[in-house]
Amino acid sequence: MKLVILDRDGVINEALPDSVRSADDWRPIAGSLDAIARLGRADYHVIAVTKQPGIRRRHLSFEDLNRIHELMHRRLAEYGGTIDAVFVCLCLPRHECECFAPCPSVLHEIAERLHVSLDGVPCVAATRPMLETAHAAGARPIRVRTGEGKSAARRGVDSSDFEVHDDLAAVVDALLAET
């Protein structure tokens, strides 16, 4: 099974400083929806992951989150694309979350549910914690310069530990060129 794991905010959609709290806040990054559709046409399964501590903070509800994801799926369908599943972490930073860095539990759950190895599976993210999560799980961390990755690049944050591309469309170009 060909699989790609995408961090939602900063890879698929614009990451907002106060987080995406409603469907009205959700804006796809230019080229991201077409890139996901191209993955599907190349027989990749696409999984999205997202941290949503705002639910515990009561900044958004499960209904809000469902509306955001319904919009994402509808907009993606306009391009002929799909996301097979969305895995959500609700932990607050103080909970010493095991879902993401330094613990890769969310990625292990994906592997277990899909009965696949994560060895070399592309995991695309704009943030160092998610990239470290991918690395810890044995996946292939790929950084994009959208989202937090864009501001990190401007601040000169070292990303030499990871493969880096401008955006998801560039990642998909590279992945499809490998096959």
N, C-alpha and C. Protein backbone atom coordinates (compact mmCIF):
# COMPACT_ATOMS: atom_id res chain seq x y z
N MET A 1 0.84 -1.18 0.00
CA MET A 1 0.00 0.00 0.00
C MET A 1 0.88 1.24 0.00
N LYS A 2 0.61 2.14 -0.93
CA LYS A 2 1.32 3.42 -0.96
C LYS A 2 0.55 4.39 -0.06
N LEU A 3 1.25 4.99 0.87
CA LEU A 3 0.62 5.82 1.89
C LEU A 3 1.40 7.12 2.06
N VAL A 4 0.66 8.21 2.27
CA VAL A 4 1.24 9.51 2.62
C VAL A 4 0.45 10.04 3.82
N ILE A 5 1.16 10.55 4.80
CA ILE A 5 0.54 11.14 5.99
C ILE A 5 0.80 12.64 5.94
N LEU A 6 -0.27 13.42 6.09
CA LEU A 6 -0.17 14.88 6.02
C LEU A 6 -0.63 15.51 7.32
N ASP A 7 0.19 16.39 7.87
CA ASP A 7 -0.25 17.23 8.97
C ASP A 7 -1.24 18.22 8.36
N ARG A 8 -2.38 18.43 8.97
CA ARG A 8 -3.42 19.25 8.34
C ARG A 8 -3.01 20.73 8.24
N ASP A 9 -2.86 21.38 9.40
CA ASP A 9 -2.60 22.82 9.42
C ASP A 9 -1.17 23.11 8.96
N GLY A 10 -1.06 23.99 7.98
CA GLY A 10 0.25 24.36 7.46
C GLY A 10 0.69 23.52 6.27
N VAL A 11 -0.04 22.43 5.99
CA VAL A 11 0.28 21.58 4.84
C VAL A 11 -0.89 21.58 3.87
N ILE A 12 -2.09 21.26 4.39
CA ILE A 12 -3.29 21.24 3.56
C ILE A 12 -3.94 22.62 3.57
N ASN A 13 -4.07 23.18 4.75
CA ASN A 13 -4.71 24.49 4.90
C ASN A 13 -3.79 25.46 5.64
N GLU A 14 -4.12 26.73 5.50
CA GLU A 14 -3.36 27.77 6.19
C GLU A 14 -3.43 27.55 7.70
N ALA A 15 -2.29 27.67 8.36
CA ALA A 15 -2.24 27.59 9.81
C ALA A 15 -2.45 29.00 10.34
N LEU A 16 -3.38 29.15 11.26
CA LEU A 16 -3.67 30.46 11.84
C LEU A 16 -3.05 30.57 13.23
N PRO A 17 -2.65 31.77 13.64
CA PRO A 17 -2.02 31.94 14.95
C PRO A 17 -2.91 31.43 16.10
N ASP A 18 -4.21 31.64 16.01
CA ASP A 18 -5.12 31.19 17.06
C ASP A 18 -5.83 29.91 16.69
N SER A 19 -5.37 29.22 15.69
CA SER A 19 -5.89 27.96 15.16
C SER A 19 -7.15 28.16 14.33
N VAL A 20 -7.43 27.17 13.53
CA VAL A 20 -8.64 27.15 12.71
C VAL A 20 -9.78 26.73 13.64
N ARG A 21 -10.72 27.64 13.87
CA ARG A 21 -11.77 27.38 14.85
C ARG A 21 -13.15 27.16 14.25
N SER A 22 -13.27 27.40 12.94
CA SER A 22 -14.56 27.20 12.29
C SER A 22 -14.32 26.94 10.80
N ALA A 23 -15.35 26.47 10.14
CA ALA A 23 -15.25 26.25 8.70
C ALA A 23 -14.96 27.56 7.98
N ASP A 24 -15.43 28.68 8.54
CA ASP A 24 -15.15 29.99 7.93
C ASP A 24 -13.67 30.33 7.98
N ASP A 25 -12.93 29.77 8.95
CA ASP A 25 -11.49 30.02 9.09
C ASP A 25 -10.65 29.16 8.16
N TRP A 26 -11.23 28.06 7.65
CA TRP A 26 -10.45 27.07 6.91
C TRP A 26 -10.19 27.55 5.49
N ARG A 27 -8.92 27.69 5.14
CA ARG A 27 -8.50 28.12 3.80
C ARG A 27 -7.43 27.16 3.29
N PRO A 28 -7.68 26.49 2.16
CA PRO A 28 -6.65 25.59 1.64
C PRO A 28 -5.44 26.39 1.15
N ILE A 29 -4.28 25.80 1.31
CA ILE A 29 -3.07 26.39 0.76
C ILE A 29 -3.10 26.17 -0.75
N ALA A 30 -2.73 27.18 -1.49
CA ALA A 30 -2.75 27.09 -2.96
C ALA A 30 -2.03 25.83 -3.43
N GLY A 31 -2.72 25.06 -4.24
CA GLY A 31 -2.15 23.85 -4.82
C GLY A 31 -2.28 22.60 -3.98
N SER A 32 -2.66 22.74 -2.70
CA SER A 32 -2.69 21.56 -1.83
C SER A 32 -3.79 20.57 -2.21
N LEU A 33 -4.96 21.06 -2.56
CA LEU A 33 -6.06 20.14 -2.88
C LEU A 33 -5.79 19.39 -4.17
N ASP A 34 -5.26 20.07 -5.16
CA ASP A 34 -4.88 19.40 -6.40
C ASP A 34 -3.77 18.39 -6.14
N ALA A 35 -2.84 18.72 -5.28
CA ALA A 35 -1.73 17.81 -4.96
C ALA A 35 -2.27 16.52 -4.33
N ILE A 36 -3.24 16.64 -3.44
CA ILE A 36 -3.83 15.45 -2.81
C ILE A 36 -4.56 14.63 -3.85
N ALA A 37 -5.27 15.28 -4.76
CA ALA A 37 -5.97 14.57 -5.82
C ALA A 37 -4.97 13.81 -6.71
N ARG A 38 -3.81 14.43 -6.98
CA ARG A 38 -2.80 13.75 -7.80
C ARG A 38 -2.25 12.52 -7.08
N LEU A 39 -2.12 12.60 -5.75
CA LEU A 39 -1.69 11.43 -4.99
C LEU A 39 -2.69 10.29 -5.17
N GLY A 40 -3.97 10.62 -5.06
CA GLY A 40 -5.00 9.60 -5.23
C GLY A 40 -4.96 8.96 -6.60
N ARG A 41 -4.77 9.77 -7.63
CA ARG A 41 -4.69 9.23 -9.00
C ARG A 41 -3.48 8.33 -9.19
N ALA A 42 -2.47 8.51 -8.33
CA ALA A 42 -1.27 7.67 -8.38
C ALA A 42 -1.38 6.50 -7.38
N ASP A 43 -2.60 6.24 -6.90
CA ASP A 43 -2.89 5.11 -6.01
C ASP A 43 -2.30 5.23 -4.61
N TYR A 44 -2.06 6.44 -4.17
CA TYR A 44 -1.66 6.64 -2.77
C TYR A 44 -2.91 6.76 -1.90
N HIS A 45 -2.80 6.24 -0.69
CA HIS A 45 -3.80 6.49 0.34
C HIS A 45 -3.29 7.69 1.13
N VAL A 46 -4.18 8.63 1.42
CA VAL A 46 -3.80 9.85 2.11
C VAL A 46 -4.49 9.90 3.47
N ILE A 47 -3.69 10.08 4.51
CA ILE A 47 -4.18 10.20 5.88
C ILE A 47 -3.77 11.59 6.38
N ALA A 48 -4.69 12.27 7.04
CA ALA A 48 -4.39 13.57 7.66
C ALA A 48 -4.34 13.40 9.17
N VAL A 49 -3.46 14.14 9.80
CA VAL A 49 -3.38 14.18 11.26
C VAL A 49 -3.47 15.63 11.70
N THR A 50 -4.05 15.84 12.87
CA THR A 50 -4.18 17.20 13.36
C THR A 50 -4.28 17.22 14.88
N LYS A 51 -3.61 18.20 15.47
CA LYS A 51 -3.74 18.44 16.91
C LYS A 51 -4.84 19.48 17.10
N GLN A 52 -5.78 19.18 17.98
CA GLN A 52 -6.91 20.08 18.21
C GLN A 52 -7.17 20.28 19.70
N PRO A 53 -6.19 20.85 20.44
CA PRO A 53 -6.40 21.09 21.86
C PRO A 53 -7.49 22.13 22.12
N GLY A 54 -7.88 22.87 21.09
CA GLY A 54 -8.95 23.87 21.24
C GLY A 54 -10.27 23.27 21.67
N ILE A 55 -10.47 21.99 21.41
CA ILE A 55 -11.70 21.34 21.87
C ILE A 55 -11.70 21.28 23.39
N ARG A 56 -10.60 20.89 23.99
CA ARG A 56 -10.51 20.85 25.46
C ARG A 56 -10.53 22.26 26.06
N ARG A 57 -10.00 23.21 25.32
CA ARG A 57 -10.01 24.59 25.80
C ARG A 57 -11.36 25.27 25.55
N ARG A 58 -12.23 24.58 24.85
CA ARG A 58 -13.57 25.06 24.49
C ARG A 58 -13.53 26.24 23.52
N HIS A 59 -12.47 26.26 22.67
CA HIS A 59 -12.38 27.25 21.61
C HIS A 59 -13.13 26.80 20.37
N LEU A 60 -13.35 25.47 20.29
CA LEU A 60 -14.17 24.92 19.23
C LEU A 60 -14.80 23.64 19.74
N SER A 61 -15.87 23.23 19.12
CA SER A 61 -16.59 22.03 19.53
C SER A 61 -16.30 20.90 18.53
N PHE A 62 -16.75 19.70 18.88
CA PHE A 62 -16.64 18.60 17.92
C PHE A 62 -17.46 18.90 16.67
N GLU A 63 -18.59 19.58 16.85
CA GLU A 63 -19.40 19.97 15.69
C GLU A 63 -18.61 20.91 14.78
N ASP A 64 -17.91 21.88 15.38
CA ASP A 64 -17.07 22.79 14.59
C ASP A 64 -16.01 22.01 13.82
N LEU A 65 -15.34 21.09 14.53
CA LEU A 65 -14.28 20.30 13.90
C LEU A 65 -14.85 19.46 12.76
N ASN A 66 -16.01 18.86 12.98
CA ASN A 66 -16.65 18.07 11.92
C ASN A 66 -17.00 18.94 10.72
N ARG A 67 -17.48 20.17 10.96
CA ARG A 67 -17.81 21.07 9.85
C ARG A 67 -16.55 21.46 9.08
N ILE A 68 -15.45 21.68 9.79
CA ILE A 68 -14.17 22.00 9.14
C ILE A 68 -13.76 20.85 8.23
N HIS A 69 -13.83 19.64 8.75
CA HIS A 69 -13.41 18.48 7.97
C HIS A 69 -14.39 18.17 6.84
N GLU A 70 -15.67 18.41 7.06
CA GLU A 70 -16.65 18.24 5.96
C GLU A 70 -16.33 19.20 4.82
N LEU A 71 -16.00 20.45 5.16
CA LEU A 71 -15.63 21.43 4.14
C LEU A 71 -14.36 20.98 3.41
N MET A 72 -13.38 20.52 4.17
CA MET A 72 -12.13 20.06 3.56
C MET A 72 -12.42 18.93 2.58
N HIS A 73 -13.22 17.96 2.98
CA HIS A 73 -13.55 16.84 2.09
C HIS A 73 -14.34 17.31 0.87
N ARG A 74 -15.30 18.21 1.05
CA ARG A 74 -16.08 18.74 -0.09
C ARG A 74 -15.20 19.47 -1.08
N ARG A 75 -14.35 20.34 -0.57
CA ARG A 75 -13.47 21.11 -1.45
C ARG A 75 -12.50 20.18 -2.18
N LEU A 76 -12.00 19.18 -1.47
CA LEU A 76 -11.08 18.22 -2.08
C LEU A 76 -11.78 17.43 -3.17
N ALA A 77 -13.03 17.07 -2.96
CA ALA A 77 -13.81 16.32 -3.96
C ALA A 77 -13.94 17.11 -5.26
N GLU A 78 -13.95 18.45 -5.18
CA GLU A 78 -14.02 19.28 -6.38
C GLU A 78 -12.81 19.04 -7.29
N TYR A 79 -11.71 18.58 -6.70
CA TYR A 79 -10.49 18.30 -7.45
C TYR A 79 -10.36 16.80 -7.77
N GLY A 80 -11.34 16.03 -7.33
CA GLY A 80 -11.29 14.59 -7.54
C GLY A 80 -10.43 13.87 -6.52
N GLY A 81 -10.19 14.49 -5.39
CA GLY A 81 -9.34 13.89 -4.36
C GLY A 81 -10.09 13.44 -3.14
N THR A 82 -9.43 12.62 -2.35
CA THR A 82 -9.99 12.16 -1.08
C THR A 82 -8.89 12.05 -0.04
N ILE A 83 -9.32 12.15 1.19
CA ILE A 83 -8.48 11.82 2.33
C ILE A 83 -9.16 10.63 2.98
N ASP A 84 -8.41 9.54 3.14
CA ASP A 84 -8.98 8.30 3.62
C ASP A 84 -9.40 8.35 5.08
N ALA A 85 -8.67 9.11 5.90
CA ALA A 85 -9.00 9.22 7.33
C ALA A 85 -8.31 10.45 7.89
N VAL A 86 -8.91 10.97 8.96
CA VAL A 86 -8.30 12.08 9.70
C VAL A 86 -8.15 11.61 11.14
N PHE A 87 -6.91 11.62 11.64
CA PHE A 87 -6.63 11.26 13.02
C PHE A 87 -6.44 12.55 13.81
N VAL A 88 -7.11 12.65 14.96
CA VAL A 88 -7.15 13.88 15.74
C VAL A 88 -6.60 13.63 17.15
N CYS A 89 -5.72 14.51 17.60
CA CYS A 89 -5.22 14.51 18.97
C CYS A 89 -5.88 15.69 19.69
N LEU A 90 -6.48 15.41 20.85
CA LEU A 90 -7.16 16.45 21.61
C LEU A 90 -6.36 16.92 22.82
N CYS A 91 -5.16 16.40 23.01
CA CYS A 91 -4.37 16.68 24.20
C CYS A 91 -3.94 18.14 24.28
N LEU A 92 -3.89 18.62 25.51
CA LEU A 92 -3.32 19.94 25.79
C LEU A 92 -1.82 19.79 25.99
N PRO A 93 -1.04 20.83 25.75
CA PRO A 93 0.41 20.72 25.93
C PRO A 93 0.82 20.22 27.32
N ARG A 94 0.10 20.60 28.34
CA ARG A 94 0.46 20.20 29.71
C ARG A 94 0.20 18.71 29.98
N HIS A 95 -0.48 18.04 29.08
CA HIS A 95 -0.81 16.62 29.28
C HIS A 95 0.34 15.69 28.92
N GLU A 96 1.48 16.23 28.51
CA GLU A 96 2.61 15.40 28.08
C GLU A 96 2.11 14.34 27.09
N CYS A 97 1.52 14.83 26.06
CA CYS A 97 0.88 14.04 25.01
C CYS A 97 1.79 12.94 24.48
N GLU A 98 1.23 11.77 24.30
CA GLU A 98 1.97 10.66 23.69
C GLU A 98 1.61 10.50 22.22
N CYS A 99 0.69 11.33 21.73
CA CYS A 99 0.26 11.21 20.33
C CYS A 99 1.33 11.71 19.37
N PHE A 100 1.97 12.80 19.75
CA PHE A 100 2.97 13.45 18.91
C PHE A 100 4.27 13.59 19.68
N ALA A 101 5.25 14.25 19.05
CA ALA A 101 6.62 14.35 19.57
C ALA A 101 6.63 14.61 21.06
N PRO A 102 7.49 13.91 21.74
CA PRO A 102 8.48 12.97 21.20
C PRO A 102 7.92 11.55 20.99
N CYS A 103 6.69 11.30 21.40
CA CYS A 103 6.09 9.97 21.23
C CYS A 103 5.27 9.91 19.95
N PRO A 104 5.46 8.89 19.14
CA PRO A 104 4.76 8.83 17.85
C PRO A 104 3.48 7.97 17.88
N SER A 105 2.74 7.99 18.97
CA SER A 105 1.59 7.10 19.11
C SER A 105 0.57 7.26 18.00
N VAL A 106 0.31 8.49 17.56
CA VAL A 106 -0.69 8.68 16.51
C VAL A 106 -0.26 7.97 15.22
N LEU A 107 1.01 8.01 14.90
CA LEU A 107 1.48 7.35 13.69
C LEU A 107 1.48 5.83 13.86
N HIS A 108 1.80 5.36 15.06
CA HIS A 108 1.71 3.91 15.31
C HIS A 108 0.26 3.43 15.20
N GLU A 109 -0.68 4.24 15.64
CA GLU A 109 -2.09 3.88 15.51
C GLU A 109 -2.50 3.77 14.04
N ILE A 110 -2.02 4.70 13.22
CA ILE A 110 -2.30 4.63 11.78
C ILE A 110 -1.75 3.32 11.21
N ALA A 111 -0.50 3.00 11.54
CA ALA A 111 0.12 1.78 11.03
C ALA A 111 -0.65 0.54 11.48
N GLU A 112 -1.05 0.53 12.73
CA GLU A 112 -1.79 -0.62 13.27
C GLU A 112 -3.14 -0.78 12.57
N ARG A 113 -3.86 0.31 12.43
CA ARG A 113 -5.19 0.23 11.79
C ARG A 113 -5.11 -0.16 10.32
N LEU A 114 -4.07 0.29 9.64
CA LEU A 114 -3.94 -0.01 8.21
C LEU A 114 -3.10 -1.26 7.94
N HIS A 115 -2.52 -1.83 9.01
CA HIS A 115 -1.69 -3.03 8.88
C HIS A 115 -0.53 -2.78 7.91
N VAL A 116 0.17 -1.67 8.15
CA VAL A 116 1.32 -1.32 7.31
C VAL A 116 2.51 -0.95 8.19
N SER A 117 3.68 -1.01 7.60
CA SER A 117 4.89 -0.50 8.25
C SER A 117 5.01 0.98 7.88
N LEU A 118 5.51 1.76 8.80
CA LEU A 118 5.73 3.18 8.51
C LEU A 118 7.11 3.44 7.91
N ASP A 119 7.90 2.40 7.77
CA ASP A 119 9.25 2.54 7.26
C ASP A 119 9.23 3.23 5.90
N GLY A 120 9.76 4.45 5.85
CA GLY A 120 9.85 5.21 4.61
C GLY A 120 8.57 5.88 4.15
N VAL A 121 7.49 5.77 4.93
CA VAL A 121 6.23 6.41 4.54
C VAL A 121 6.40 7.93 4.65
N PRO A 122 6.13 8.66 3.57
CA PRO A 122 6.25 10.12 3.63
C PRO A 122 5.26 10.71 4.64
N CYS A 123 5.79 11.55 5.52
CA CYS A 123 4.98 12.25 6.51
C CYS A 123 5.30 13.73 6.34
N VAL A 124 4.35 14.48 5.81
CA VAL A 124 4.60 15.87 5.43
C VAL A 124 4.08 16.80 6.52
N ALA A 125 4.94 17.71 6.97
CA ALA A 125 4.57 18.61 8.05
C ALA A 125 5.28 19.95 7.88
N ALA A 126 4.74 20.95 8.54
CA ALA A 126 5.34 22.28 8.53
C ALA A 126 5.99 22.61 9.87
N THR A 127 5.85 21.70 10.84
CA THR A 127 6.38 21.99 12.18
C THR A 127 7.39 20.94 12.61
N ARG A 128 8.38 21.38 13.34
CA ARG A 128 9.41 20.47 13.84
C ARG A 128 8.83 19.36 14.71
N PRO A 129 7.90 19.62 15.63
CA PRO A 129 7.37 18.51 16.44
C PRO A 129 6.77 17.38 15.60
N MET A 130 6.04 17.71 14.56
CA MET A 130 5.47 16.65 13.73
C MET A 130 6.54 15.93 12.94
N LEU A 131 7.55 16.65 12.49
CA LEU A 131 8.66 16.03 11.78
C LEU A 131 9.42 15.08 12.70
N GLU A 132 9.61 15.48 13.95
CA GLU A 132 10.27 14.62 14.93
C GLU A 132 9.41 13.39 15.24
N THR A 133 8.10 13.57 15.25
CA THR A 133 7.19 12.45 15.45
C THR A 133 7.36 11.45 14.31
N ALA A 134 7.40 11.94 13.08
CA ALA A 134 7.58 11.06 11.93
C ALA A 134 8.91 10.31 12.01
N HIS A 135 9.96 11.03 12.37
CA HIS A 135 11.28 10.41 12.50
C HIS A 135 11.26 9.31 13.56
N ALA A 136 10.65 9.60 14.72
CA ALA A 136 10.59 8.63 15.81
C ALA A 136 9.80 7.38 15.43
N ALA A 137 8.85 7.52 14.51
CA ALA A 137 8.02 6.39 14.08
C ALA A 137 8.66 5.61 12.94
N GLY A 138 9.78 6.09 12.43
CA GLY A 138 10.43 5.42 11.31
C GLY A 138 9.90 5.83 9.95
N ALA A 139 9.05 6.85 9.95
CA ALA A 139 8.52 7.37 8.68
C ALA A 139 9.56 8.30 8.04
N ARG A 140 9.23 8.82 6.90
CA ARG A 140 10.11 9.73 6.15
C ARG A 140 9.62 11.16 6.36
N PRO A 141 10.24 11.91 7.27
CA PRO A 141 9.79 13.29 7.52
C PRO A 141 10.12 14.21 6.35
N ILE A 142 9.12 14.94 5.89
CA ILE A 142 9.31 15.91 4.81
C ILE A 142 8.72 17.24 5.27
N ARG A 143 9.57 18.24 5.30
CA ARG A 143 9.15 19.57 5.76
C ARG A 143 8.69 20.41 4.58
N VAL A 144 7.60 21.15 4.78
CA VAL A 144 7.17 22.14 3.79
C VAL A 144 7.36 23.53 4.38
N ARG A 145 7.59 24.49 3.50
CA ARG A 145 7.84 25.87 3.95
C ARG A 145 6.55 26.66 4.11
N THR A 146 5.43 26.01 4.02
CA THR A 146 4.15 26.67 4.27
C THR A 146 3.87 26.57 5.77
N GLY A 147 2.88 27.28 6.24
CA GLY A 147 2.57 27.22 7.66
C GLY A 147 3.73 27.72 8.49
N GLU A 148 3.98 27.04 9.61
CA GLU A 148 5.08 27.40 10.50
C GLU A 148 6.43 27.25 9.81
N GLY A 149 6.48 26.34 8.84
CA GLY A 149 7.73 26.13 8.11
C GLY A 149 8.20 27.38 7.39
N LYS A 150 7.24 28.20 6.92
CA LYS A 150 7.59 29.43 6.21
C LYS A 150 8.25 30.42 7.16
N SER A 151 7.66 30.61 8.35
CA SER A 151 8.25 31.55 9.30
C SER A 151 9.56 31.00 9.85
N ALA A 152 9.65 29.68 10.01
CA ALA A 152 10.89 29.07 10.49
C ALA A 152 12.01 29.31 9.49
N ALA A 153 11.71 29.17 8.21
CA ALA A 153 12.73 29.40 7.18
C ALA A 153 13.20 30.84 7.22
N ARG A 154 12.26 31.77 7.44
CA ARG A 154 12.65 33.19 7.51
C ARG A 154 13.52 33.46 8.75
N ARG A 155 13.27 32.71 9.84
CA ARG A 155 14.05 32.89 11.06
C ARG A 155 15.37 32.15 11.00
N GLY A 156 15.59 31.39 9.91
CA GLY A 156 16.85 30.66 9.78
C GLY A 156 16.89 29.39 10.59
N VAL A 157 15.74 28.81 10.95
CA VAL A 157 15.71 27.57 11.70
C VAL A 157 16.32 26.46 10.85
N ASP A 158 17.21 25.69 11.44
CA ASP A 158 17.90 24.63 10.71
C ASP A 158 16.92 23.51 10.38
N SER A 159 16.80 23.22 9.12
CA SER A 159 15.94 22.12 8.70
C SER A 159 16.76 21.09 7.93
N SER A 160 18.07 21.10 8.15
CA SER A 160 18.93 20.18 7.41
C SER A 160 18.68 18.74 7.80
N ASP A 161 18.01 18.51 8.93
CA ASP A 161 17.69 17.15 9.36
C ASP A 161 16.61 16.53 8.48
N PHE A 162 15.90 17.34 7.73
CA PHE A 162 14.74 16.87 7.00
C PHE A 162 14.80 17.27 5.53
N GLU A 163 14.17 16.46 4.71
CA GLU A 163 13.94 16.82 3.32
C GLU A 163 12.99 18.02 3.33
N VAL A 164 13.25 19.03 2.50
CA VAL A 164 12.45 20.25 2.52
C VAL A 164 11.95 20.59 1.12
N HIS A 165 10.68 20.99 1.04
CA HIS A 165 10.07 21.44 -0.21
C HIS A 165 9.26 22.71 0.09
N ASP A 166 8.99 23.48 -0.95
CA ASP A 166 8.24 24.72 -0.75
C ASP A 166 6.83 24.49 -0.23
N ASP A 167 6.15 23.48 -0.78
CA ASP A 167 4.75 23.24 -0.41
C ASP A 167 4.37 21.81 -0.75
N LEU A 168 3.13 21.45 -0.46
CA LEU A 168 2.68 20.09 -0.72
C LEU A 168 2.74 19.74 -2.20
N ALA A 169 2.43 20.68 -3.06
CA ALA A 169 2.50 20.41 -4.50
C ALA A 169 3.91 19.99 -4.91
N ALA A 170 4.93 20.65 -4.36
CA ALA A 170 6.31 20.29 -4.67
C ALA A 170 6.67 18.91 -4.11
N VAL A 171 6.15 18.59 -2.93
CA VAL A 171 6.37 17.26 -2.35
C VAL A 171 5.78 16.20 -3.28
N VAL A 172 4.56 16.42 -3.72
CA VAL A 172 3.89 15.45 -4.59
C VAL A 172 4.64 15.31 -5.92
N ASP A 173 5.12 16.41 -6.46
CA ASP A 173 5.95 16.34 -7.68
C ASP A 173 7.13 15.40 -7.46
N ALA A 174 7.81 15.57 -6.32
CA ALA A 174 8.99 14.75 -6.01
C ALA A 174 8.60 13.28 -5.80
N LEU A 175 7.52 13.03 -5.06
CA LEU A 175 7.10 11.66 -4.83
C LEU A 175 6.72 10.95 -6.12
N LEU A 176 5.99 11.64 -6.97
CA LEU A 176 5.55 11.02 -8.22
C LEU A 176 6.71 10.82 -9.19
N ALA A 177 7.75 11.65 -9.09
CA ALA A 177 8.94 11.48 -9.93
C ALA A 177 9.75 10.26 -9.50
N GLU A 178 9.59 9.84 -8.23
CA GLU A 178 10.32 8.68 -7.72
C GLU A 178 9.77 7.36 -8.25
N THR A 179 8.51 7.37 -8.66
CA THR A 179 7.89 6.10 -9.07
C THR A 179 8.01 5.84 -10.55
